[in-house]
PDB file of all heavy atoms in Angstrom:
ATOM      1  N   VAL A   1      20.753   3.941 -16.302  1.00  0.00           N
ATOM      2  CA  VAL A   1      20.791   5.393 -16.117  1.00  0.00           C
ATOM      3  C   VAL A   1      20.177   6.071 -17.332  1.00  0.00           C
ATOM      4  O   VAL A   1      20.582   5.811 -18.473  1.00  0.00           O
ATOM      5  CB  VAL A   1      22.244   5.880 -15.924  1.00  0.00           C
ATOM      6  CG1 VAL A   1      22.270   7.399 -15.758  1.00  0.00           C
ATOM      7  CG2 VAL A   1      22.895   5.197 -14.718  1.00  0.00           C
ATOM      8  N   LEU A   2      19.192   6.927 -17.085  1.00  0.00           N
ATOM      9  CA  LEU A   2      18.592   7.741 -18.144  1.00  0.00           C
ATOM     10  C   LEU A   2      19.215   9.122 -18.089  1.00  0.00           C
ATOM     11  O   LEU A   2      19.042   9.845 -17.090  1.00  0.00           O
ATOM     12  CB  LEU A   2      17.078   7.834 -17.958  1.00  0.00           C
ATOM     13  CG  LEU A   2      16.300   6.513 -17.953  1.00  0.00           C
ATOM     14  CD1 LEU A   2      14.807   6.781 -17.781  1.00  0.00           C
ATOM     15  CD2 LEU A   2      16.549   5.726 -19.231  1.00  0.00           C
ATOM     16  N   PHE A   3      19.936   9.501 -19.108  1.00  0.00           N
ATOM     17  CA  PHE A   3      20.624  10.790 -19.103  1.00  0.00           C
ATOM     18  C   PHE A   3      19.799  11.815 -19.884  1.00  0.00           C
ATOM     19  O   PHE A   3      19.527  11.626 -21.067  1.00  0.00           O
ATOM     20  CB  PHE A   3      22.018  10.662 -19.715  1.00  0.00           C
ATOM     21  CG  PHE A   3      22.897  11.850 -19.452  1.00  0.00           C
ATOM     22  CD1 PHE A   3      23.668  11.912 -18.296  1.00  0.00           C
ATOM     23  CD2 PHE A   3      22.922  12.913 -20.333  1.00  0.00           C
ATOM     24  CE1 PHE A   3      24.473  13.012 -18.041  1.00  0.00           C
ATOM     25  CE2 PHE A   3      23.709  14.021 -20.083  1.00  0.00           C
ATOM     26  CZ  PHE A   3      24.492  14.071 -18.935  1.00  0.00           C
ATOM     27  N   GLY A   4      19.405  12.875 -19.197  1.00  0.00           N
ATOM     28  CA  GLY A   4      18.588  13.920 -19.810  1.00  0.00           C
ATOM     29  C   GLY A   4      17.198  13.956 -19.219  1.00  0.00           C
ATOM     30  O   GLY A   4      16.267  13.371 -19.780  1.00  0.00           O
ATOM     31  N   SER A   5      17.047  14.659 -18.088  1.00  0.00           N
ATOM     32  CA  SER A   5      15.765  14.637 -17.367  1.00  0.00           C
ATOM     33  C   SER A   5      14.637  15.270 -18.167  1.00  0.00           C
ATOM     34  O   SER A   5      13.487  14.845 -18.075  1.00  0.00           O
ATOM     35  CB  SER A   5      15.910  15.339 -16.009  1.00  0.00           C
ATOM     36  OG  SER A   5      16.322  16.684 -16.180  1.00  0.00           O
ATOM     37  N   ALA A   6      14.933  16.285 -18.975  1.00  0.00           N
ATOM     38  CA  ALA A   6      13.879  16.930 -19.766  1.00  0.00           C
ATOM     39  C   ALA A   6      13.294  15.956 -20.778  1.00  0.00           C
ATOM     40  O   ALA A   6      12.097  16.007 -21.071  1.00  0.00           O
ATOM     41  CB  ALA A   6      14.433  18.160 -20.480  1.00  0.00           C
ATOM     42  N   TYR A   7      14.121  15.076 -21.306  1.00  0.00           N
ATOM     43  CA  TYR A   7      13.658  14.107 -22.301  1.00  0.00           C
ATOM     44  C   TYR A   7      12.944  12.934 -21.640  1.00  0.00           C
ATOM     45  O   TYR A   7      11.885  12.501 -22.099  1.00  0.00           O
ATOM     46  CB  TYR A   7      14.854  13.593 -23.119  1.00  0.00           C
ATOM     47  CG  TYR A   7      14.456  12.766 -24.325  1.00  0.00           C
ATOM     48  CD1 TYR A   7      14.168  13.380 -25.539  1.00  0.00           C
ATOM     49  CD2 TYR A   7      14.370  11.381 -24.255  1.00  0.00           C
ATOM     50  CE1 TYR A   7      13.812  12.632 -26.658  1.00  0.00           C
ATOM     51  CE2 TYR A   7      14.012  10.622 -25.364  1.00  0.00           C
ATOM     52  CZ  TYR A   7      13.727  11.254 -26.554  1.00  0.00           C
ATOM     53  OH  TYR A   7      13.357  10.512 -27.654  1.00  0.00           O
ATOM     54  N   TRP A   8      13.504  12.408 -20.570  1.00  0.00           N
ATOM     55  CA  TRP A   8      12.992  11.187 -19.959  1.00  0.00           C
ATOM     56  C   TRP A   8      11.958  11.423 -18.869  1.00  0.00           C
ATOM     57  O   TRP A   8      11.260  10.491 -18.471  1.00  0.00           O
ATOM     58  CB  TRP A   8      14.145  10.367 -19.375  1.00  0.00           C
ATOM     59  CG  TRP A   8      15.119   9.885 -20.394  1.00  0.00           C
ATOM     60  CD1 TRP A   8      16.409  10.300 -20.568  1.00  0.00           C
ATOM     61  CD2 TRP A   8      14.877   8.894 -21.410  1.00  0.00           C
ATOM     62  NE1 TRP A   8      16.994   9.636 -21.611  1.00  0.00           N
ATOM     63  CE2 TRP A   8      16.080   8.764 -22.150  1.00  0.00           C
ATOM     64  CE3 TRP A   8      13.782   8.111 -21.754  1.00  0.00           C
ATOM     65  CZ2 TRP A   8      16.203   7.878 -23.216  1.00  0.00           C
ATOM     66  CZ3 TRP A   8      13.905   7.229 -22.828  1.00  0.00           C
ATOM     67  CH2 TRP A   8      15.097   7.121 -23.537  1.00  0.00           C
ATOM     68  N   GLY A   9      11.852  12.660 -18.398  1.00  0.00           N
ATOM     69  CA  GLY A   9      10.967  12.942 -17.270  1.00  0.00           C
ATOM     70  C   GLY A   9       9.522  12.546 -17.508  1.00  0.00           C
ATOM     71  O   GLY A   9       8.865  11.962 -16.640  1.00  0.00           O
ATOM     72  N   GLY A  10       9.004  12.844 -18.706  1.00  0.00           N
ATOM     73  CA  GLY A  10       7.611  12.507 -19.002  1.00  0.00           C
ATOM     74  C   GLY A  10       7.367  11.016 -18.994  1.00  0.00           C
ATOM     75  O   GLY A  10       6.315  10.540 -18.530  1.00  0.00           O
ATOM     76  N   LEU A  11       8.311  10.251 -19.501  1.00  0.00           N
ATOM     77  CA  LEU A  11       8.172   8.797 -19.507  1.00  0.00           C
ATOM     78  C   LEU A  11       8.168   8.244 -18.086  1.00  0.00           C
ATOM     79  O   LEU A  11       7.322   7.409 -17.732  1.00  0.00           O
ATOM     80  CB  LEU A  11       9.318   8.163 -20.298  1.00  0.00           C
ATOM     81  CG  LEU A  11       9.409   6.636 -20.250  1.00  0.00           C
ATOM     82  CD1 LEU A  11       8.176   5.990 -20.880  1.00  0.00           C
ATOM     83  CD2 LEU A  11      10.678   6.146 -20.929  1.00  0.00           C
ATOM     84  N   VAL A  12       9.098   8.729 -17.267  1.00  0.00           N
ATOM     85  CA  VAL A  12       9.178   8.246 -15.886  1.00  0.00           C
ATOM     86  C   VAL A  12       7.916   8.625 -15.113  1.00  0.00           C
ATOM     87  O   VAL A  12       7.381   7.831 -14.325  1.00  0.00           O
ATOM     88  CB  VAL A  12      10.439   8.792 -15.196  1.00  0.00           C
ATOM     89  CG1 VAL A  12      10.469   8.381 -13.724  1.00  0.00           C
ATOM     90  CG2 VAL A  12      11.700   8.280 -15.894  1.00  0.00           C
ATOM     91  N   ASP A  13       7.399   9.831 -15.351  1.00  0.00           N
ATOM     92  CA  ASP A  13       6.154  10.251 -14.700  1.00  0.00           C
ATOM     93  C   ASP A  13       5.009   9.324 -15.099  1.00  0.00           C
ATOM     94  O   ASP A  13       4.181   8.949 -14.259  1.00  0.00           O
ATOM     95  CB  ASP A  13       5.811  11.692 -15.089  1.00  0.00           C
ATOM     96  CG  ASP A  13       6.733  12.717 -14.436  1.00  0.00           C
ATOM     97  OD1 ASP A  13       7.436  12.349 -13.468  1.00  0.00           O
ATOM     98  OD2 ASP A  13       6.766  13.861 -14.928  1.00  0.00           O
ATOM     99  N   TRP A  14       4.938   8.978 -16.379  1.00  0.00           N
ATOM    100  CA  TRP A  14       3.870   8.089 -16.840  1.00  0.00           C
ATOM    101  C   TRP A  14       3.998   6.710 -16.211  1.00  0.00           C
ATOM    102  O   TRP A  14       3.001   6.113 -15.792  1.00  0.00           O
ATOM    103  CB  TRP A  14       3.896   7.983 -18.365  1.00  0.00           C
ATOM    104  CG  TRP A  14       2.807   7.113 -18.905  1.00  0.00           C
ATOM    105  CD1 TRP A  14       1.500   7.464 -19.118  1.00  0.00           C
ATOM    106  CD2 TRP A  14       2.907   5.726 -19.258  1.00  0.00           C
ATOM    107  NE1 TRP A  14       0.786   6.389 -19.596  1.00  0.00           N
ATOM    108  CE2 TRP A  14       1.627   5.304 -19.691  1.00  0.00           C
ATOM    109  CE3 TRP A  14       3.952   4.813 -19.255  1.00  0.00           C
ATOM    110  CZ2 TRP A  14       1.368   4.010 -20.114  1.00  0.00           C
ATOM    111  CZ3 TRP A  14       3.704   3.515 -19.685  1.00  0.00           C
ATOM    112  CH2 TRP A  14       2.428   3.115 -20.106  1.00  0.00           C
ATOM    113  N   LEU A  15       5.216   6.194 -16.133  1.00  0.00           N
ATOM    114  CA  LEU A  15       5.421   4.891 -15.494  1.00  0.00           C
ATOM    115  C   LEU A  15       4.964   4.913 -14.040  1.00  0.00           C
ATOM    116  O   LEU A  15       4.317   3.976 -13.556  1.00  0.00           O
ATOM    117  CB  LEU A  15       6.903   4.497 -15.571  1.00  0.00           C
ATOM    118  CG  LEU A  15       7.475   4.208 -16.959  1.00  0.00           C
ATOM    119  CD1 LEU A  15       8.982   3.979 -16.868  1.00  0.00           C
ATOM    120  CD2 LEU A  15       6.789   3.009 -17.604  1.00  0.00           C
ATOM    121  N   ARG A  16       5.275   6.013 -13.350  1.00  0.00           N
ATOM    122  CA  ARG A  16       4.932   6.122 -11.925  1.00  0.00           C
ATOM    123  C   ARG A  16       3.444   6.408 -11.717  1.00  0.00           C
ATOM    124  O   ARG A  16       2.790   5.773 -10.872  1.00  0.00           O
ATOM    125  CB  ARG A  16       5.755   7.234 -11.282  1.00  0.00           C
ATOM    126  CG  ARG A  16       5.466   7.443  -9.786  1.00  0.00           C
ATOM    127  CD  ARG A  16       6.152   8.676  -9.235  1.00  0.00           C
ATOM    128  NE  ARG A  16       7.606   8.602  -9.382  1.00  0.00           N
ATOM    129  CZ  ARG A  16       8.317   9.321 -10.242  1.00  0.00           C
ATOM    130  NH1 ARG A  16       7.700  10.183 -11.057  1.00  0.00           N
ATOM    131  NH2 ARG A  16       9.617   9.193 -10.294  1.00  0.00           N
ATOM    132  N   ASP A  17       2.900   7.364 -12.498  1.00  0.00           N
ATOM    133  CA  ASP A  17       1.545   7.856 -12.241  1.00  0.00           C
ATOM    134  C   ASP A  17       0.459   7.062 -12.958  1.00  0.00           C
ATOM    135  O   ASP A  17      -0.721   7.159 -12.588  1.00  0.00           O
ATOM    136  CB  ASP A  17       1.439   9.337 -12.648  1.00  0.00           C
ATOM    137  CG  ASP A  17       2.406  10.219 -11.872  1.00  0.00           C
ATOM    138  OD1 ASP A  17       2.807   9.815 -10.760  1.00  0.00           O
ATOM    139  OD2 ASP A  17       2.775  11.290 -12.387  1.00  0.00           O
ATOM    140  N   THR A  18       0.822   6.316 -13.971  1.00  0.00           N
ATOM    141  CA  THR A  18      -0.166   5.534 -14.716  1.00  0.00           C
ATOM    142  C   THR A  18       0.083   4.037 -14.577  1.00  0.00           C
ATOM    143  O   THR A  18      -0.760   3.292 -14.077  1.00  0.00           O
ATOM    144  CB  THR A  18      -0.165   5.931 -16.202  1.00  0.00           C
ATOM    145  OG1 THR A  18      -0.465   7.327 -16.319  1.00  0.00           O
ATOM    146  CG2 THR A  18      -1.197   5.125 -16.978  1.00  0.00           C
ATOM    147  N   MET A  19       1.226   3.584 -15.001  1.00  0.00           N
ATOM    148  CA  MET A  19       1.497   2.149 -14.996  1.00  0.00           C
ATOM    149  C   MET A  19       1.545   1.585 -13.577  1.00  0.00           C
ATOM    150  O   MET A  19       0.924   0.559 -13.276  1.00  0.00           O
ATOM    151  CB  MET A  19       2.810   1.857 -15.736  1.00  0.00           C
ATOM    152  CG  MET A  19       3.043   0.378 -16.004  1.00  0.00           C
ATOM    153  SD  MET A  19       4.569   0.057 -16.951  1.00  0.00           S
ATOM    154  CE  MET A  19       4.037   0.472 -18.610  1.00  0.00           C
ATOM    155  N   ALA A  20       2.265   2.270 -12.689  1.00  0.00           N
ATOM    156  CA  ALA A  20       2.374   1.779 -11.307  1.00  0.00           C
ATOM    157  C   ALA A  20       1.055   1.945 -10.560  1.00  0.00           C
ATOM    158  O   ALA A  20       0.622   1.044  -9.826  1.00  0.00           O
ATOM    159  CB  ALA A  20       3.501   2.508 -10.576  1.00  0.00           C
ATOM    160  N   VAL A  21       0.388   3.086 -10.731  1.00  0.00           N
ATOM    161  CA  VAL A  21      -0.890   3.331 -10.053  1.00  0.00           C
ATOM    162  C   VAL A  21      -1.931   2.306 -10.491  1.00  0.00           C
ATOM    163  O   VAL A  21      -2.765   1.858  -9.684  1.00  0.00           O
ATOM    164  CB  VAL A  21      -1.377   4.774 -10.343  1.00  0.00           C
ATOM    165  CG1 VAL A  21      -2.823   4.946  -9.916  1.00  0.00           C
ATOM    166  CG2 VAL A  21      -0.486   5.784  -9.633  1.00  0.00           C
ATOM    167  N   ASP A  22      -1.881   1.895 -11.739  1.00  0.00           N
ATOM    168  CA  ASP A  22      -2.823   0.908 -12.257  1.00  0.00           C
ATOM    169  C   ASP A  22      -2.434  -0.521 -11.888  1.00  0.00           C
ATOM    170  O   ASP A  22      -3.117  -1.472 -12.263  1.00  0.00           O
ATOM    171  CB  ASP A  22      -2.913   1.033 -13.785  1.00  0.00           C
ATOM    172  CG  ASP A  22      -4.235   0.510 -14.327  1.00  0.00           C
ATOM    173  OD1 ASP A  22      -5.277   0.750 -13.703  1.00  0.00           O
ATOM    174  OD2 ASP A  22      -4.209  -0.167 -15.376  1.00  0.00           O
ATOM    175  N   GLY A  23      -1.327  -0.665 -11.172  1.00  0.00           N
ATOM    176  CA  GLY A  23      -0.918  -1.971 -10.688  1.00  0.00           C
ATOM    177  C   GLY A  23      -0.204  -2.845 -11.707  1.00  0.00           C
ATOM    178  O   GLY A  23      -0.028  -4.041 -11.480  1.00  0.00           O
ATOM    179  N   LYS A  24       0.210  -2.253 -12.825  1.00  0.00           N
ATOM    180  CA  LYS A  24       0.872  -3.049 -13.862  1.00  0.00           C
ATOM    181  C   LYS A  24       2.348  -3.293 -13.556  1.00  0.00           C
ATOM    182  O   LYS A  24       2.956  -4.218 -14.096  1.00  0.00           O
ATOM    183  CB  LYS A  24       0.723  -2.376 -15.236  1.00  0.00           C
ATOM    184  CG  LYS A  24      -0.720  -2.179 -15.679  1.00  0.00           C
ATOM    185  CD  LYS A  24      -1.482  -3.512 -15.754  1.00  0.00           C
ATOM    186  CE  LYS A  24      -2.875  -3.369 -16.335  1.00  0.00           C
ATOM    187  NZ  LYS A  24      -3.796  -2.624 -15.469  1.00  0.00           N
ATOM    188  N   ILE A  25       2.937  -2.446 -12.746  1.00  0.00           N
ATOM    189  CA  ILE A  25       4.279  -2.661 -12.221  1.00  0.00           C
ATOM    190  C   ILE A  25       4.252  -2.320 -10.740  1.00  0.00           C
ATOM    191  O   ILE A  25       3.309  -1.668 -10.259  1.00  0.00           O
ATOM    192  CB  ILE A  25       5.345  -1.799 -12.937  1.00  0.00           C
ATOM    193  CG1 ILE A  25       5.017  -0.308 -12.804  1.00  0.00           C
ATOM    194  CG2 ILE A  25       5.490  -2.211 -14.390  1.00  0.00           C
ATOM    195  CD1 ILE A  25       6.103   0.601 -13.372  1.00  0.00           C
ATOM    196  N   GLY A  26       5.267  -2.759 -10.012  1.00  0.00           N
ATOM    197  CA  GLY A  26       5.329  -2.473  -8.589  1.00  0.00           C
ATOM    198  C   GLY A  26       6.025  -1.151  -8.312  1.00  0.00           C
ATOM    199  O   GLY A  26       6.792  -0.654  -9.144  1.00  0.00           O
ATOM    200  N   PRO A  27       5.808  -0.566  -7.148  1.00  0.00           N
ATOM    201  CA  PRO A  27       6.454   0.708  -6.796  1.00  0.00           C
ATOM    202  C   PRO A  27       7.975   0.624  -6.868  1.00  0.00           C
ATOM    203  O   PRO A  27       8.640   1.582  -7.273  1.00  0.00           O
ATOM    204  CB  PRO A  27       5.972   0.962  -5.368  1.00  0.00           C
ATOM    205  CG  PRO A  27       4.701   0.180  -5.246  1.00  0.00           C
ATOM    206  CD  PRO A  27       4.886  -1.036  -6.096  1.00  0.00           C
ATOM    207  N   ASP A  28       8.539  -0.524  -6.511  1.00  0.00           N
ATOM    208  CA  ASP A  28       9.998  -0.664  -6.528  1.00  0.00           C
ATOM    209  C   ASP A  28      10.567  -0.707  -7.937  1.00  0.00           C
ATOM    210  O   ASP A  28      11.766  -0.453  -8.128  1.00  0.00           O
ATOM    211  CB  ASP A  28      10.423  -1.927  -5.774  1.00  0.00           C
ATOM    212  CG  ASP A  28      10.123  -1.846  -4.286  1.00  0.00           C
ATOM    213  OD1 ASP A  28       9.936  -0.715  -3.787  1.00  0.00           O
ATOM    214  OD2 ASP A  28      10.073  -2.903  -3.629  1.00  0.00           O
ATOM    215  N   ASP A  29       9.735  -1.036  -8.914  1.00  0.00           N
ATOM    216  CA  ASP A  29      10.236  -1.133 -10.285  1.00  0.00           C
ATOM    217  C   ASP A  29      10.717   0.213 -10.811  1.00  0.00           C
ATOM    218  O   ASP A  29      11.649   0.276 -11.617  1.00  0.00           O
ATOM    219  CB  ASP A  29       9.155  -1.692 -11.213  1.00  0.00           C
ATOM    220  CG  ASP A  29       8.837  -3.152 -10.897  1.00  0.00           C
ATOM    221  OD1 ASP A  29       9.718  -3.841 -10.352  1.00  0.00           O
ATOM    222  OD2 ASP A  29       7.715  -3.601 -11.206  1.00  0.00           O
ATOM    223  N   ILE A  30      10.086   1.296 -10.378  1.00  0.00           N
ATOM    224  CA  ILE A  30      10.512   2.626 -10.805  1.00  0.00           C
ATOM    225  C   ILE A  30      11.938   2.902 -10.320  1.00  0.00           C
ATOM    226  O   ILE A  30      12.710   3.608 -10.962  1.00  0.00           O
ATOM    227  CB  ILE A  30       9.563   3.711 -10.258  1.00  0.00           C
ATOM    228  CG1 ILE A  30       8.122   3.443 -10.734  1.00  0.00           C
ATOM    229  CG2 ILE A  30      10.001   5.099 -10.719  1.00  0.00           C
ATOM    230  CD1 ILE A  30       7.942   3.520 -12.213  1.00  0.00           C
ATOM    231  N   GLY A  31      12.283   2.322  -9.181  1.00  0.00           N
ATOM    232  CA  GLY A  31      13.606   2.533  -8.612  1.00  0.00           C
ATOM    233  C   GLY A  31      14.740   1.943  -9.438  1.00  0.00           C
ATOM    234  O   GLY A  31      15.918   2.216  -9.161  1.00  0.00           O
ATOM    235  N   MET A  32      14.413   1.137 -10.438  1.00  0.00           N
ATOM    236  CA  MET A  32      15.465   0.602 -11.308  1.00  0.00           C
ATOM    237  C   MET A  32      16.027   1.668 -12.241  1.00  0.00           C
ATOM    238  O   MET A  32      17.095   1.490 -12.822  1.00  0.00           O
ATOM    239  CB  MET A  32      14.917  -0.564 -12.139  1.00  0.00           C
ATOM    240  CG  MET A  32      14.511  -1.783 -11.329  1.00  0.00           C
ATOM    241  SD  MET A  32      14.072  -3.212 -12.370  1.00  0.00           S
ATOM    242  CE  MET A  32      12.628  -2.593 -13.251  1.00  0.00           C
ATOM    243  N   LEU A  33      15.298   2.778 -12.396  1.00  0.00           N
ATOM    244  CA  LEU A  33      15.717   3.844 -13.295  1.00  0.00           C
ATOM    245  C   LEU A  33      16.360   4.984 -12.514  1.00  0.00           C
ATOM    246  O   LEU A  33      15.830   5.442 -11.499  1.00  0.00           O
ATOM    247  CB  LEU A  33      14.512   4.384 -14.063  1.00  0.00           C
ATOM    248  CG  LEU A  33      13.881   3.436 -15.078  1.00  0.00           C
ATOM    249  CD1 LEU A  33      12.545   3.985 -15.556  1.00  0.00           C
ATOM    250  CD2 LEU A  33      14.812   3.209 -16.258  1.00  0.00           C
ATOM    251  N   HIS A  34      17.494   5.450 -12.985  1.00  0.00           N
ATOM    252  CA  HIS A  34      18.199   6.568 -12.367  1.00  0.00           C
ATOM    253  C   HIS A  34      18.290   7.690 -13.399  1.00  0.00           C
ATOM    254  O   HIS A  34      18.965   7.549 -14.415  1.00  0.00           O
ATOM    255  CB  HIS A  34      19.593   6.142 -11.920  1.00  0.00           C
ATOM    256  CG  HIS A  34      19.606   4.907 -11.076  1.00  0.00           C
ATOM    257  ND1 HIS A  34      19.179   4.889  -9.759  1.00  0.00           N
ATOM    258  CD2 HIS A  34      19.971   3.637 -11.371  1.00  0.00           C
ATOM    259  CE1 HIS A  34      19.302   3.663  -9.275  1.00  0.00           C
ATOM    260  NE2 HIS A  34      19.769   2.887 -10.235  1.00  0.00           N
ATOM    261  N   VAL A  35      17.594   8.792 -13.143  1.00  0.00           N
ATOM    262  CA  VAL A  35      17.557   9.907 -14.087  1.00  0.00           C
ATOM    263  C   VAL A  35      18.511  10.999 -13.623  1.00  0.00           C
ATOM    264  O   VAL A  35      18.499  11.390 -12.447  1.00  0.00           O
ATOM    265  CB  VAL A  35      16.128  10.481 -14.201  1.00  0.00           C
ATOM    266  CG1 VAL A  35      16.086  11.593 -15.251  1.00  0.00           C
ATOM    267  CG2 VAL A  35      15.131   9.386 -14.551  1.00  0.00           C
ATOM    268  N   THR A  36      19.336  11.484 -14.536  1.00  0.00           N
ATOM    269  CA  THR A  36      20.296  12.519 -14.162  1.00  0.00           C
ATOM    270  C   THR A  36      20.661  13.368 -15.370  1.00  0.00           C
ATOM    271  O   THR A  36      20.492  12.950 -16.518  1.00  0.00           O
ATOM    272  CB  THR A  36      21.579  11.892 -13.568  1.00  0.00           C
ATOM    273  OG1 THR A  36      22.465  12.928 -13.140  1.00  0.00           O
ATOM    274  CG2 THR A  36      22.289  11.024 -14.598  1.00  0.00           C
ATOM    275  N   ASP A  37      21.186  14.560 -15.082  1.00  0.00           N
ATOM    276  CA  ASP A  37      21.753  15.442 -16.105  1.00  0.00           C
ATOM    277  C   ASP A  37      23.239  15.658 -15.864  1.00  0.00           C
ATOM    278  O   ASP A  37      23.855  16.478 -16.551  1.00  0.00           O
ATOM    279  CB  ASP A  37      21.040  16.808 -16.093  1.00  0.00           C
ATOM    280  CG  ASP A  37      19.567  16.693 -16.453  1.00  0.00           C
ATOM    281  OD1 ASP A  37      19.269  16.235 -17.568  1.00  0.00           O
ATOM    282  OD2 ASP A  37      18.719  17.041 -15.613  1.00  0.00           O
ATOM    283  N   ASP A  38      23.787  14.937 -14.920  1.00  0.00           N
ATOM    284  CA  ASP A  38      25.169  15.152 -14.501  1.00  0.00           C
ATOM    285  C   ASP A  38      26.038  13.955 -14.895  1.00  0.00           C
ATOM    286  O   ASP A  38      25.735  12.809 -14.520  1.00  0.00           O
ATOM    287  CB  ASP A  38      25.222  15.370 -12.987  1.00  0.00           C
ATOM    288  CG  ASP A  38      26.621  15.666 -12.509  1.00  0.00           C
ATOM    289  OD1 ASP A  38      27.053  16.823 -12.643  1.00  0.00           O
ATOM    290  OD2 ASP A  38      27.288  14.739 -11.999  1.00  0.00           O
ATOM    291  N   VAL A  39      27.106  14.218 -15.605  1.00  0.00           N
ATOM    292  CA  VAL A  39      27.972  13.136 -16.087  1.00  0.00           C
ATOM    293  C   VAL A  39      28.581  12.362 -14.927  1.00  0.00           C
ATOM    294  O   VAL A  39      28.584  11.125 -14.923  1.00  0.00           O
ATOM    295  CB  VAL A  39      29.085  13.704 -16.995  1.00  0.00           C
ATOM    296  CG1 VAL A  39      30.140  12.635 -17.292  1.00  0.00           C
ATOM    297  CG2 VAL A  39      28.493  14.239 -18.294  1.00  0.00           C
ATOM    298  N   GLN A  40      29.080  13.060 -13.939  1.00  0.00           N
ATOM    299  CA  GLN A  40      29.720  12.380 -12.804  1.00  0.00           C
ATOM    300  C   GLN A  40      28.718  11.510 -12.042  1.00  0.00           C
ATOM    301  O   GLN A  40      29.062  10.413 -11.588  1.00  0.00           O
ATOM    302  CB  GLN A  40      30.360  13.408 -11.869  1.00  0.00           C
ATOM    303  CG  GLN A  40      31.562  14.121 -12.461  1.00  0.00           C
ATOM    304  CD  GLN A  40      32.699  13.174 -12.813  1.00  0.00           C
ATOM    305  OE1 GLN A  40      32.901  12.147 -12.168  1.00  0.00           O
ATOM    306  NE2 GLN A  40      33.456  13.520 -13.838  1.00  0.00           N
ATOM    307  N   GLU A  41      27.497  11.994 -11.911  1.00  0.00           N
ATOM    308  CA  GLU A  41      26.480  11.184 -11.236  1.00  0.00           C
ATOM    309  C   GLU A  41      26.161   9.932 -12.052  1.00  0.00           C
ATOM    310  O   GLU A  41      26.014   8.833 -11.492  1.00  0.00           O
ATOM    311  CB  GLU A  41      25.205  11.998 -11.012  1.00  0.00           C
ATOM    312  CG  GLU A  41      24.140  11.224 -10.251  1.00  0.00           C
ATOM    313  CD  GLU A  41      22.866  12.018 -10.017  1.00  0.00           C
ATOM    314  OE1 GLU A  41      22.853  13.238 -10.315  1.00  0.00           O
ATOM    315  OE2 GLU A  41      21.882  11.420  -9.541  1.00  0.00           O
TER     316      GLU A  41
END
C-alpha cells in the first residue's frame, strides 16, 4: 500500500505510462500497488 497519492502518483504514472508501455513490466504488475489517502482503506 502506497499512502499519499500526491506523493506516489507521479511514480505510479511513470510505471504505467513508461515502464509498462515499453514492455519492461506487465500490465498486471501495476496492480500490485494500492494507492490511497484513507487510513481505513
